[in-house]
Amino acid sequence: MGKNKKKELEKLKLHQLTPQEQLKYEIAEELGLLDQVLQKGWKSLSAKETGRIGGLMTKRKKELSKL
């Protein structure tokens, strides 16, 4: 993770993200979309990209609930 990206995430942490929001940012980073989100916001993502994030969030929540 780049230095600037870490600084942006630290700013976000100051606002006390919910676990769901943290998961959303984590998945966006894994998909290589975090830079775009931090620069242009969530609205800059396509429907396909946001659907992918939502699908992965649902999948992970189901996995966590099984534990």
C-alpha atoms as a PDB file:
ATOM      1  CA  MET A   1       0.000   0.000   0.000  1.00  0.00           C
ATOM      2  CA  GLY A   2       1.373   3.395  -0.971  1.00  0.00           C
ATOM      3  CA  LYS A   3       2.189   6.155   1.468  1.00  0.00           C
ATOM      4  CA  ASN A   4      -0.596   8.453   0.238  1.00  0.00           C
ATOM      5  CA  LYS A   5      -3.160   5.654   0.359  1.00  0.00           C
ATOM      6  CA  LYS A   6      -2.224   4.940   3.979  1.00  0.00           C
ATOM      7  CA  LYS A   7      -2.697   8.605   4.858  1.00  0.00           C
ATOM      8  CA  GLU A   8      -6.138   8.626   3.251  1.00  0.00           C
ATOM      9  CA  LEU A   9      -7.163   5.490   5.135  1.00  0.00           C
ATOM     10  CA  GLU A  10      -5.942   7.009   8.396  1.00  0.00           C
ATOM     11  CA  LYS A  11      -8.231   9.983   7.755  1.00  0.00           C
ATOM     12  CA  LEU A  12     -11.107   7.589   7.213  1.00  0.00           C
ATOM     13  CA  LYS A  13     -10.308   5.797  10.482  1.00  0.00           C
ATOM     14  CA  LEU A  14     -10.778   9.066  12.306  1.00  0.00           C
ATOM     15  CA  HIS A  15     -14.452   8.920  11.434  1.00  0.00           C
ATOM     16  CA  GLN A  16     -14.817   5.510  13.104  1.00  0.00           C
ATOM     17  CA  LEU A  17     -15.922   3.367  10.192  1.00  0.00           C
ATOM     18  CA  THR A  18     -18.440   0.635  10.892  1.00  0.00           C
ATOM     19  CA  PRO A  19     -17.314  -2.964  10.329  1.00  0.00           C
ATOM     20  CA  GLN A  20     -19.408  -3.024   7.150  1.00  0.00           C
ATOM     21  CA  GLU A  21     -17.708   0.110   5.814  1.00  0.00           C
ATOM     22  CA  GLN A  22     -14.294  -1.298   6.710  1.00  0.00           C
ATOM     23  CA  LEU A  23     -15.112  -4.438   4.760  1.00  0.00           C
ATOM     24  CA  LYS A  24     -16.218  -2.370   1.772  1.00  0.00           C
ATOM     25  CA  TYR A  25     -12.935  -0.444   1.697  1.00  0.00           C
ATOM     26  CA  GLU A  26     -10.937  -3.649   2.167  1.00  0.00           C
ATOM     27  CA  ILE A  27     -12.649  -5.320  -0.792  1.00  0.00           C
ATOM     28  CA  ALA A  28     -12.257  -2.204  -2.938  1.00  0.00           C
ATOM     29  CA  GLU A  29      -8.532  -2.320  -2.222  1.00  0.00           C
ATOM     30  CA  GLU A  30      -8.332  -6.016  -3.108  1.00  0.00           C
ATOM     31  CA  LEU A  31     -10.053  -5.322  -6.428  1.00  0.00           C
ATOM     32  CA  GLY A  32      -7.684  -2.444  -7.198  1.00  0.00           C
ATOM     33  CA  LEU A  33     -10.432   0.173  -6.921  1.00  0.00           C
ATOM     34  CA  LEU A  34      -9.430   1.941  -3.718  1.00  0.00           C
ATOM     35  CA  ASP A  35      -7.375   4.657  -5.435  1.00  0.00           C
ATOM     36  CA  GLN A  36     -10.334   5.555  -7.642  1.00  0.00           C
ATOM     37  CA  VAL A  37     -12.700   5.609  -4.656  1.00  0.00           C
ATOM     38  CA  LEU A  38     -10.379   7.821  -2.599  1.00  0.00           C
ATOM     39  CA  GLN A  39      -9.847  10.241  -5.478  1.00  0.00           C
ATOM     40  CA  LYS A  40     -13.304  10.394  -7.045  1.00  0.00           C
ATOM     41  CA  GLY A  41     -15.692   8.795  -4.556  1.00  0.00           C
ATOM     42  CA  TRP A  42     -17.903   5.728  -4.639  1.00  0.00           C
ATOM     43  CA  LYS A  43     -20.123   7.222  -7.347  1.00  0.00           C
ATOM     44  CA  SER A  44     -17.254   6.980  -9.818  1.00  0.00           C
ATOM     45  CA  LEU A  45     -17.497   3.178  -9.854  1.00  0.00           C
ATOM     46  CA  SER A  46     -19.510   1.370 -12.499  1.00  0.00           C
ATOM     47  CA  ALA A  47     -22.537  -0.756 -11.652  1.00  0.00           C
ATOM     48  CA  LYS A  48     -20.453  -3.849 -12.374  1.00  0.00           C
ATOM     49  CA  GLU A  49     -17.735  -2.756  -9.932  1.00  0.00           C
ATOM     50  CA  THR A  50     -20.167  -1.866  -7.153  1.00  0.00           C
ATOM     51  CA  GLY A  51     -22.043  -5.118  -7.715  1.00  0.00           C
ATOM     52  CA  ARG A  52     -18.815  -7.059  -7.400  1.00  0.00           C
ATOM     53  CA  ILE A  53     -18.010  -5.309  -4.116  1.00  0.00           C
ATOM     54  CA  GLY A  54     -21.513  -5.968  -2.787  1.00  0.00           C
ATOM     55  CA  GLY A  55     -21.384  -9.608  -3.812  1.00  0.00           C
ATOM     56  CA  LEU A  56     -18.053 -10.162  -2.103  1.00  0.00           C
ATOM     57  CA  MET A  57     -19.302  -8.393   1.026  1.00  0.00           C
ATOM     58  CA  THR A  58     -22.306 -10.716   1.168  1.00  0.00           C
ATOM     59  CA  LYS A  59     -20.123 -13.770   0.627  1.00  0.00           C
ATOM     60  CA  ARG A  60     -17.744 -12.784   3.433  1.00  0.00           C
ATOM     61  CA  LYS A  61     -20.579 -12.001   5.843  1.00  0.00           C
ATOM     62  CA  LYS A  62     -22.041 -15.460   5.232  1.00  0.00           C
ATOM     63  CA  GLU A  63     -18.631 -17.057   5.804  1.00  0.00           C
ATOM     64  CA  LEU A  64     -18.171 -15.128   9.059  1.00  0.00           C
ATOM     65  CA  SER A  65     -21.623 -16.089  10.323  1.00  0.00           C
ATOM     66  CA  LYS A  66     -20.778 -19.787   9.890  1.00  0.00           C
ATOM     67  CA  LEU A  67     -17.842 -19.498  12.310  1.00  0.00           C
END
